Protein backbone atom coordinates (compact mmCIF):
# COMPACT_ATOMS: atom_id res chain seq x y z
CA UNK A 1 0.00 0.00 0.00
CA UNK A 2 1.20 3.53 -0.77
CA UNK A 3 1.95 5.89 2.10
CA UNK A 4 -1.15 7.38 3.72
CA UNK A 5 -0.79 10.10 6.40
CA UNK A 6 -3.97 8.97 8.17
CA UNK A 7 -2.97 5.30 8.33
CA UNK A 8 0.83 5.12 8.55
CA UNK A 9 2.37 6.04 11.89
CA UNK A 10 5.47 7.56 10.30
CA UNK A 11 6.45 8.87 6.85
CA UNK A 12 9.84 7.13 6.62
CA UNK A 13 10.86 4.29 4.30
CA UNK A 14 9.38 6.03 1.27
CA UNK A 15 10.91 5.85 -2.22
CA UNK A 16 12.32 8.65 -4.29
CA UNK A 17 9.44 10.20 -6.27
CA UNK A 18 8.55 8.55 -9.58
CA UNK A 19 7.60 11.94 -11.02
CA UNK A 20 8.61 13.47 -14.33
CA UNK A 21 10.81 15.81 -12.30
CA UNK A 22 12.86 12.89 -11.00
CA UNK A 23 13.86 12.02 -14.58
CA UNK A 24 15.42 15.47 -15.01
CA UNK A 25 17.96 15.26 -12.16
CA UNK A 26 20.63 12.93 -10.93
CA UNK A 27 19.58 11.54 -7.59
CA UNK A 28 21.95 12.96 -4.96
CA UNK A 29 23.93 10.80 -2.56
CA UNK A 30 22.24 10.37 0.81
CA UNK A 31 23.29 12.61 3.67
CA UNK A 32 24.22 11.01 7.01
CA UNK A 33 21.45 10.29 9.47
CA UNK A 34 21.38 11.88 12.91
CA UNK A 35 23.64 9.79 15.12
CA UNK A 36 24.26 9.93 18.85
CA UNK A 37 23.13 12.74 21.12
CA UNK A 38 23.31 16.27 19.70
CA UNK A 39 22.08 19.72 20.63
CA UNK A 40 20.88 22.71 18.64
CA UNK A 41 19.05 25.97 19.07
CA UNK A 42 16.29 25.03 16.61
CA UNK A 43 15.29 21.59 15.38
CA UNK A 44 13.39 21.61 12.10
CA UNK A 45 11.37 18.50 11.28
CA UNK A 46 10.94 18.14 7.53
CA UNK A 47 13.42 18.79 4.73
CA UNK A 48 11.10 20.22 2.07
CA UNK A 49 10.64 23.82 0.99
CA UNK A 50 9.47 25.05 4.40
CA UNK A 51 12.10 23.28 6.48
CA UNK A 52 15.01 24.17 4.23
CA UNK A 53 14.04 27.83 3.92
CA UNK A 54 13.36 28.22 7.64
CA UNK A 55 16.91 26.97 8.23
CA UNK A 56 18.15 29.32 5.49
CA UNK A 57 16.61 32.43 7.03
CA UNK A 58 17.63 31.49 10.56
CA UNK A 59 21.23 31.17 9.39
CA UNK A 60 21.47 33.97 6.84
CA UNK A 61 19.45 36.71 8.56
CA UNK A 62 19.47 35.91 12.27
CA UNK A 63 22.61 33.84 12.86
CA UNK A 64 20.61 31.19 14.73
CA UNK A 65 21.78 27.58 14.68
CA UNK A 66 19.40 24.95 13.30
CA UNK A 67 19.45 21.31 12.28
CA UNK A 68 17.04 19.79 9.77
CA UNK A 69 15.72 16.25 10.28
CA UNK A 70 14.32 14.60 7.13
CA UNK A 71 12.57 11.24 7.46
CA UNK A 72 13.58 10.10 3.96
CA UNK A 73 15.68 11.94 1.39
CA UNK A 74 15.30 15.64 0.68
CA UNK A 75 12.95 15.99 -2.28
CA UNK A 76 10.97 12.79 -1.71
CA UNK A 77 7.75 14.48 -0.50
CA UNK A 78 5.46 17.19 -1.79
CA UNK A 79 8.41 19.42 -2.66
CA UNK A 80 9.47 16.91 -5.31
CA UNK A 81 6.01 15.81 -6.46
CA UNK A 82 3.90 18.96 -6.94
CA UNK A 83 3.11 20.69 -10.22
CA UNK A 84 5.65 23.48 -9.71
CA UNK A 85 3.14 26.36 -9.68
CA UNK A 86 4.59 29.46 -8.01
CA UNK A 87 1.47 31.54 -7.45
CA UNK A 88 -0.41 33.39 -4.78
CA UNK A 89 -3.23 31.24 -3.50
CA UNK A 90 -6.01 32.03 -1.08
CA UNK A 91 -7.42 28.55 -0.61
CA UNK A 92 -11.12 28.41 -1.39
CA UNK A 93 -11.88 31.80 0.11
CA UNK A 94 -12.01 34.64 -2.40
CA UNK A 95 -10.68 38.08 -1.54
CA UNK A 96 -14.14 39.68 -1.51
CA UNK A 97 -15.19 37.01 1.02
CA UNK A 98 -12.14 37.86 3.13
CA UNK A 99 -13.11 41.53 3.05
CA UNK A 100 -16.59 40.69 4.35
CA UNK A 101 -15.15 38.48 7.09
CA UNK A 102 -12.12 40.49 8.24
CA UNK A 103 -12.32 43.90 6.60
CA UNK A 104 -10.41 45.48 3.73
CA UNK A 105 -7.17 46.23 5.59
CA UNK A 106 -6.74 42.61 6.67
CA UNK A 107 -7.57 41.43 3.15
CA UNK A 108 -4.93 43.76 1.71
CA UNK A 109 -2.46 42.40 4.22
CA UNK A 110 -3.17 38.77 3.25
CA UNK A 111 -2.96 39.60 -0.44
CA UNK A 112 0.34 41.34 0.22
CA UNK A 113 1.72 38.24 1.97
CA UNK A 114 0.75 36.00 -0.94
CA UNK A 115 2.25 38.47 -3.41
CA UNK A 116 5.46 38.67 -1.37
CA UNK A 117 5.64 34.87 -1.37
CA UNK A 118 5.82 34.75 -5.17
CA UNK A 119 8.38 37.56 -5.23
CA UNK A 120 10.45 35.86 -2.52
CA UNK A 121 10.76 32.63 -4.52
CA UNK A 122 11.73 34.61 -7.59
CA UNK A 123 14.42 36.46 -5.62
CA UNK A 124 15.82 33.25 -4.15
CA UNK A 125 16.11 31.73 -7.62
CA UNK A 126 17.85 34.82 -8.99
CA UNK A 127 20.10 35.49 -6.00
CA UNK A 128 21.39 31.93 -5.74
CA UNK A 129 21.29 31.10 -9.45
CA UNK A 130 19.05 28.08 -8.95
CA UNK A 131 18.57 26.31 -12.29
CA UNK A 132 14.97 25.14 -11.92
CA UNK A 133 13.55 25.71 -15.41
CA UNK A 134 11.60 28.81 -14.41
CA UNK A 135 9.05 29.67 -17.11
CA UNK A 136 7.58 32.99 -18.29
CA UNK A 137 5.44 34.88 -15.79
CA UNK A 138 1.67 34.85 -15.83
CA UNK A 139 -1.16 33.01 -14.10
CA UNK A 140 -4.38 32.22 -15.95
CA UNK A 141 -7.50 31.27 -14.00
CA UNK A 142 -10.00 29.73 -16.40
CA UNK A 143 -13.78 30.08 -16.00
CA UNK A 144 -15.16 26.59 -16.63
CA UNK A 145 -18.77 27.67 -17.21
CA UNK A 146 -20.91 30.77 -17.72
CA UNK A 147 -21.63 31.25 -14.00
CA UNK A 148 -17.93 31.03 -13.19
CA UNK A 149 -17.29 33.60 -15.91
CA UNK A 150 -19.45 36.14 -14.11
CA UNK A 151 -17.91 35.33 -10.72
CA UNK A 152 -14.40 35.56 -12.12
CA UNK A 153 -15.15 38.93 -13.72
CA UNK A 154 -16.24 40.18 -10.31
CA UNK A 155 -13.01 38.85 -8.76
CA UNK A 156 -10.91 40.61 -11.39
CA UNK A 157 -12.74 43.88 -10.75
CA UNK A 158 -12.31 43.51 -6.98
CA UNK A 159 -8.58 42.86 -7.25
CA UNK A 160 -8.05 45.74 -9.67
CA UNK A 161 -10.10 48.20 -7.61
CA UNK A 162 -9.11 47.31 -4.05
CA UNK A 163 -5.83 45.39 -4.07
CA UNK A 164 -3.85 47.46 -6.53
CA UNK A 165 -2.90 44.60 -8.81
CA UNK A 166 -2.95 44.46 -12.58
CA UNK A 167 -5.76 41.92 -12.94
CA UNK A 168 -6.61 41.42 -16.59
CA UNK A 169 -9.88 39.81 -17.64
CA UNK A 170 -9.88 37.87 -20.90
CA UNK A 171 -12.94 37.12 -23.01
CA UNK A 172 -13.16 33.69 -24.66
CA UNK A 173 -11.97 35.13 -27.97
CA UNK A 174 -9.03 36.93 -26.32
CA UNK A 175 -8.04 33.75 -24.50
CA UNK A 176 -8.16 31.76 -27.73
CA UNK A 177 -6.28 34.33 -29.77
CA UNK A 178 -3.36 34.87 -27.38
CA UNK A 179 -3.12 31.81 -25.12
CA UNK A 180 -5.04 28.61 -25.95
CA UNK A 181 -8.06 27.10 -27.62
CA UNK A 182 -9.54 25.45 -24.53
CA UNK A 183 -12.93 23.94 -25.37
CA UNK A 184 -13.94 24.12 -21.69
CA UNK A 185 -13.08 27.79 -21.22
CA UNK A 186 -15.55 30.68 -20.93
CA UNK A 187 -12.92 33.33 -20.26
CA UNK A 188 -10.07 33.89 -17.84
CA UNK A 189 -8.54 36.11 -15.18
CA UNK A 190 -4.85 36.77 -15.72
CA UNK A 191 -2.37 38.03 -13.12
CA UNK A 192 1.11 39.14 -14.10
CA UNK A 193 3.02 37.25 -11.43
CA UNK A 194 3.01 33.51 -10.94
CA UNK A 195 5.20 31.16 -12.92
CA UNK A 196 6.15 27.51 -13.32
CA UNK A 197 9.30 25.74 -12.12
CA UNK A 198 10.72 22.26 -11.84
CA UNK A 199 9.98 21.87 -8.10
CA UNK A 200 12.49 19.09 -7.48
CA UNK A 201 15.29 21.17 -8.98
CA UNK A 202 14.12 24.09 -6.85
CA UNK A 203 14.13 21.95 -3.70
CA UNK A 204 17.61 20.61 -4.42
CA UNK A 205 18.72 24.17 -5.14
CA UNK A 206 17.49 25.26 -1.72
CA UNK A 207 19.34 22.29 -0.23
CA UNK A 208 22.60 23.39 -1.86
CA UNK A 209 22.20 26.96 -0.58
CA UNK A 210 21.43 25.82 2.98
CA UNK A 211 24.43 23.50 2.99
CA UNK A 212 26.66 26.37 1.84
CA UNK A 213 25.70 28.19 5.05
CA UNK A 214 26.96 25.30 7.17
CA UNK A 215 23.53 24.13 8.31
CA UNK A 216 23.42 20.45 9.29
CA UNK A 217 20.94 18.38 7.27
CA UNK A 218 20.18 14.84 8.40
CA UNK A 219 18.39 12.42 6.06
CA UNK A 220 16.79 9.10 7.05
CA UNK A 221 16.18 10.67 10.47
CA UNK A 222 12.51 10.11 11.18
CA UNK A 223 11.40 11.49 14.54
CA UNK A 224 9.91 8.52 16.42
CA UNK A 225 9.21 10.35 19.65
CA UNK A 226 8.94 13.99 20.64
CA UNK A 227 9.38 14.66 24.36
CA UNK A 228 9.15 17.94 26.22
CA UNK A 229 11.65 18.07 29.08
CA UNK A 230 11.56 21.32 31.00
CA UNK A 231 12.46 24.20 28.66
CA UNK A 232 13.87 21.84 26.02
CA UNK A 233 12.58 19.35 23.46
CA UNK A 234 14.05 15.90 22.87
CA UNK A 235 13.52 14.42 19.41
CA UNK A 236 14.33 10.72 19.21
CA UNK A 237 15.22 9.04 15.90
CA UNK A 238 16.34 5.49 15.10
CA UNK A 239 20.03 6.29 15.53
CA UNK A 240 20.14 9.37 17.70
CA UNK A 241 18.42 12.13 19.59
CA UNK A 242 18.40 15.87 19.21
CA UNK A 243 18.00 18.26 22.15
CA UNK A 244 16.60 21.61 21.02
CA UNK A 245 15.50 24.87 22.54
CA UNK A 246 12.84 25.25 19.87
CA UNK A 247 11.18 22.97 17.31
CA UNK A 248 9.58 23.76 13.96
CA UNK A 249 7.22 21.20 12.43
CA UNK A 250 7.57 21.59 8.66
CA UNK A 251 6.26 18.34 7.20
CA UNK A 252 2.89 19.67 5.95
CA UNK A 253 0.88 16.63 4.66
CA UNK A 254 3.78 14.28 5.48
CA UNK A 255 3.51 15.04 9.20
CA UNK A 256 2.97 11.87 11.30
CA UNK A 257 -0.67 11.31 12.23
CA UNK A 258 0.22 11.48 15.95
CA UNK A 259 3.12 13.87 16.42
CA UNK A 260 2.38 16.76 18.76
CA UNK A 261 -0.89 18.11 20.12
CA UNK A 262 -0.19 21.42 18.39
CA UNK A 263 -0.56 19.79 14.95
CA UNK A 264 -2.45 16.51 15.49
CA UNK A 265 -5.84 16.35 13.73
CA UNK A 266 -5.45 19.85 12.28
CA UNK A 267 -5.22 19.03 8.58
CA UNK A 268 -6.80 16.86 5.92
CA UNK A 269 -4.31 15.07 3.64
CA UNK A 270 -5.52 15.18 0.03
CA UNK A 271 -4.00 13.12 -2.75
CA UNK A 272 -3.14 14.96 -5.94
CA UNK A 273 -2.55 13.18 -9.23
CA UNK A 274 -0.46 14.55 -12.09
CA UNK A 275 0.14 13.29 -15.62
CA UNK A 276 2.70 14.50 -18.14
CA UNK A 277 2.35 13.74 -21.83
CA UNK A 278 4.94 12.93 -24.43
CA UNK A 279 6.30 16.08 -26.14
CA UNK A 280 3.56 17.59 -28.30
CA UNK A 281 4.19 17.82 -32.03
CA UNK A 282 3.88 21.07 -33.97
CA UNK A 283 0.58 19.82 -35.35
CA UNK A 284 -0.75 19.06 -31.85
CA UNK A 285 0.33 22.46 -30.57
CA UNK A 286 -1.41 24.15 -33.47
CA UNK A 287 -4.58 22.10 -32.93
CA UNK A 288 -4.72 22.99 -29.21
CA UNK A 289 -3.91 26.62 -29.84
CA UNK A 290 -1.42 26.48 -26.97
CA UNK A 291 0.74 29.58 -27.29
CA UNK A 292 1.86 29.97 -23.68
CA UNK A 293 3.91 28.28 -20.99
CA UNK A 294 2.13 30.20 -18.24
CA UNK A 295 0.51 28.35 -15.34
CA UNK A 296 -3.20 27.63 -15.65
CA UNK A 297 -5.90 26.61 -13.17
CA UNK A 298 -9.66 26.46 -13.59
CA UNK A 299 -12.53 27.50 -11.34
CA UNK A 300 -13.94 24.06 -10.55
CA UNK A 301 -14.33 23.01 -6.95
CA UNK A 302 -12.29 19.95 -7.91
CA UNK A 303 -9.78 21.98 -9.84
CA UNK A 304 -7.70 21.02 -12.84
CA UNK A 305 -4.35 22.71 -13.33
CA UNK A 306 -1.96 22.51 -16.24
CA UNK A 307 0.90 24.10 -18.14
CA UNK A 308 3.05 23.49 -21.16
CA UNK A 309 6.55 22.51 -20.05
CA UNK A 310 9.77 23.74 -21.63
CA UNK A 311 10.08 20.56 -23.73
CA UNK A 312 6.46 20.97 -24.94
CA UNK A 313 5.05 18.22 -22.78
CA UNK A 314 1.70 19.09 -21.22
CA UNK A 315 1.43 18.69 -17.47
CA UNK A 316 -2.16 18.16 -16.28
CA UNK A 317 -3.18 17.63 -12.66
CA UNK A 318 -6.17 17.27 -10.38
CA UNK A 319 -7.52 15.31 -7.44
CA UNK A 320 -6.48 11.68 -7.07
CA UNK A 321 -7.80 8.84 -4.93
CA UNK A 322 -9.07 9.44 -1.42
CA UNK A 323 -6.87 6.85 0.28
CA UNK A 324 -3.26 5.84 -0.20
CA UNK A 325 -4.37 2.28 -0.89
CA UNK A 326 -5.96 3.43 -4.16
CA UNK A 327 -3.23 5.88 -5.15
CA UNK A 328 -1.89 3.64 -7.92
CA UNK A 329 -5.29 2.81 -9.42
CA UNK A 330 -4.93 3.65 -13.15
CA UNK A 331 -8.46 5.02 -13.40
CA UNK A 332 -7.41 8.28 -11.75
CA UNK A 333 -4.76 8.93 -14.37
CA UNK A 334 -7.28 7.96 -17.05
CA UNK A 335 -9.75 10.47 -15.63
CA UNK A 336 -7.13 13.18 -15.90
CA UNK A 337 -6.39 12.24 -19.50
CA UNK A 338 -10.12 12.35 -20.27
CA UNK A 339 -10.43 15.78 -18.63
CA UNK A 340 -7.41 16.97 -20.62
CA UNK A 341 -9.07 15.76 -23.83
CA UNK A 342 -12.26 17.63 -22.89
CA UNK A 343 -10.19 20.80 -22.81
CA UNK A 344 -8.07 19.93 -25.83
CA UNK A 345 -9.79 17.29 -28.03
CA UNK A 346 -6.73 17.03 -30.28
CA UNK A 347 -4.91 15.36 -27.36
CA UNK A 348 -7.37 12.50 -26.89
CA UNK A 349 -4.86 9.97 -28.22
CA UNK A 350 -1.66 11.57 -26.95
CA UNK A 351 0.74 9.30 -25.02
CA UNK A 352 1.01 9.85 -21.27
CA UNK A 353 4.63 9.26 -20.28
CA UNK A 354 4.38 10.00 -16.55
CA UNK A 355 1.68 9.54 -13.89
CA UNK A 356 2.31 10.11 -10.18
CA UNK A 357 0.70 11.19 -6.92
CA UNK A 358 1.54 13.24 -3.84
CA UNK A 359 -0.14 14.51 -0.68
CA UNK A 360 -1.12 18.09 0.08
CA UNK A 361 -2.54 19.40 3.36
CA UNK A 362 -5.86 21.24 3.51
CA UNK A 363 -6.98 23.25 6.52
CA UNK A 364 -10.51 23.23 7.88
CA UNK A 365 -10.80 26.97 7.18
CA UNK A 366 -9.03 26.68 3.79
CA UNK A 367 -6.17 28.95 4.89
CA UNK A 368 -2.52 28.18 5.62
CA UNK A 369 -1.45 28.88 9.18
CA UNK A 370 2.01 29.80 10.40
CA UNK A 371 1.75 29.61 14.14
CA UNK A 372 4.13 29.61 17.07
CA UNK A 373 3.41 29.22 20.74
CA UNK A 374 6.08 29.05 23.35
CA UNK A 375 9.08 27.33 21.82
CA UNK A 376 7.24 25.30 19.17
CA UNK A 377 6.02 26.44 15.75
CA UNK A 378 4.59 25.06 12.54
CA UNK A 379 3.50 25.95 9.05
CA UNK A 380 0.67 23.79 7.77
CA UNK A 381 -2.32 23.74 5.45
CA UNK A 382 -0.97 25.19 2.21
CA UNK A 383 -3.99 23.84 0.32
CA UNK A 384 -1.85 23.31 -2.78
CA UNK A 385 -0.12 26.72 -2.86
CA UNK A 386 2.98 25.68 -0.92
CA UNK A 387 5.63 26.21 -3.62
CA UNK A 388 5.27 29.96 -3.14
CA UNK A 389 3.84 30.43 0.33
CA UNK A 390 6.37 28.10 1.95
CA UNK A 391 9.01 30.76 1.32
CA UNK A 392 7.02 33.48 3.07
CA UNK A 393 6.02 31.08 5.85
CA UNK A 394 9.66 30.12 6.43
CA UNK A 395 10.68 33.76 6.68
CA UNK A 396 7.91 34.48 9.16
CA UNK A 397 8.82 31.42 11.26
CA UNK A 398 12.44 32.55 11.38
CA UNK A 399 11.34 36.05 12.35
CA UNK A 400 9.26 34.75 15.21
CA UNK A 401 12.07 32.53 16.49
CA UNK A 402 14.34 35.58 16.40
CA UNK A 403 11.87 37.49 18.55
CA UNK A 404 10.39 39.75 15.88
CA UNK A 405 6.69 40.59 15.75
CA UNK A 406 4.67 39.11 12.90
CA UNK A 407 1.90 40.92 10.99
CA UNK A 408 -1.45 40.81 12.75
CA UNK A 409 -3.15 38.64 10.16
CA UNK A 410 -5.21 35.43 10.49
CA UNK A 411 -2.37 33.60 8.73
CA UNK A 412 -0.08 34.21 11.72
CA UNK A 413 -2.20 35.00 14.75
CA UNK A 414 -4.40 31.93 15.10
CA UNK A 415 -3.68 28.19 15.19
CA UNK A 416 -5.08 25.76 12.67
CA UNK A 417 -8.60 24.76 13.72
CA UNK A 418 -8.99 21.13 14.70
CA UNK A 419 -11.15 18.65 12.86
CA UNK A 420 -13.52 17.78 15.71
CA UNK A 421 -14.56 14.47 14.15
CA UNK A 422 -11.09 13.67 12.89
CA UNK A 423 -11.77 9.97 12.37
CA UNK A 424 -14.52 10.85 9.94
CA UNK A 425 -12.38 13.09 7.74
CA UNK A 426 -12.30 10.60 4.90
CA UNK A 427 -16.06 10.10 4.93
CA UNK A 428 -16.53 13.86 4.79
CA UNK A 429 -14.01 14.12 1.99
CA UNK A 430 -15.75 11.43 -0.03
CA UNK A 431 -19.12 13.12 0.40
CA UNK A 432 -17.67 16.47 -0.58
CA UNK A 433 -16.08 15.02 -3.73
CA UNK A 434 -19.49 13.70 -4.82
CA UNK A 435 -21.13 17.03 -4.10
CA UNK A 436 -18.39 19.03 -5.81
CA UNK A 437 -18.44 16.81 -8.89
CA UNK A 438 -22.17 17.39 -9.29
CA UNK A 439 -21.84 21.15 -8.76
CA UNK A 440 -18.94 21.39 -11.22
CA UNK A 441 -20.89 19.46 -13.81
CA UNK A 442 -24.36 20.96 -13.47
CA UNK A 443 -24.01 24.47 -12.07
């Protein structure tokens, strides 16, 4: 059975990702596991985007010692499996909804954090010359039906009027003329920032930068037990233990199901499925009208997301199985191919060269939370927007550890809400998928 965060006690013993991204890099040699008894100022659990960048900012901006404990090999988890979309995401809550709930100033602050997240990733890539196949800027959000077209037009107007961004609204004919001939599209909202990357190359680039700062990274160092002893924490692995003044939990959906009361039962792991086609021919590109390598996502509740890669393969992703046991069922990849063909009929017979899955973490309130209390902190619940927001979250975590005050925003001032009927999460998820599928299809 494939790894399942709600069934497996620990996330160790997992293979290197079988993604398209893994075919584009040479697998690095394993780093030594934690061995013996060691001490550090900050222990960071999880060696993905969040963990690596938290260590980076602690070292580079605050001169605070940290050690990173990775249960498998850096790049194995979501950081090496996602679609590589660097974009500002607000979960399922639109910005007009935020304004009604929290007011305009708070909404502007949240939008600013998401915008800064995209800019921060871009700056890290440029500053450290990370070769991660970054693609041209631009994020297209596609209206999948007439009702979504109207809603999306309202969102574009709200962003342009209140949030100071250059939100461009595209009619169906404008979308077809300049970007793609998507047979499922009724128009689109386009934002200037947002771009695609090879996420595994980006993760390994972060790893290289963190190592250059002298930060200790330990692979195959799954935390089996987390004990609080007076003012310190003791993290016990198979071969050693780490005594730390502070701990950061940075595993997102790969966090053990029972780890610490601060994070237990506070997220829903959701399986994403991604396919990548064989390189498209000139004739196929002409038939699809694909003229852009910008990142694309639609307005469905069960969203599809896609982009043309630098070698003219089409990446197409969406929701996968509900449980890890069904992750490898071929019908989920076939569904994605069928959905891709609905958008681009000329690709109905195209070869799919790669098909893989990975877990993301959704929050009950559909918002990521970066929260610290006492000498323990976490960043969790990216809801699929972690490639970008992990960078901002890591910076904010490092700031808090260094004693700096964080912005007074819901992202930082409140913990993740708990799922009160945590054992029923999968039943609720299954029911929601049925509901969402019907709404996406008929309304």
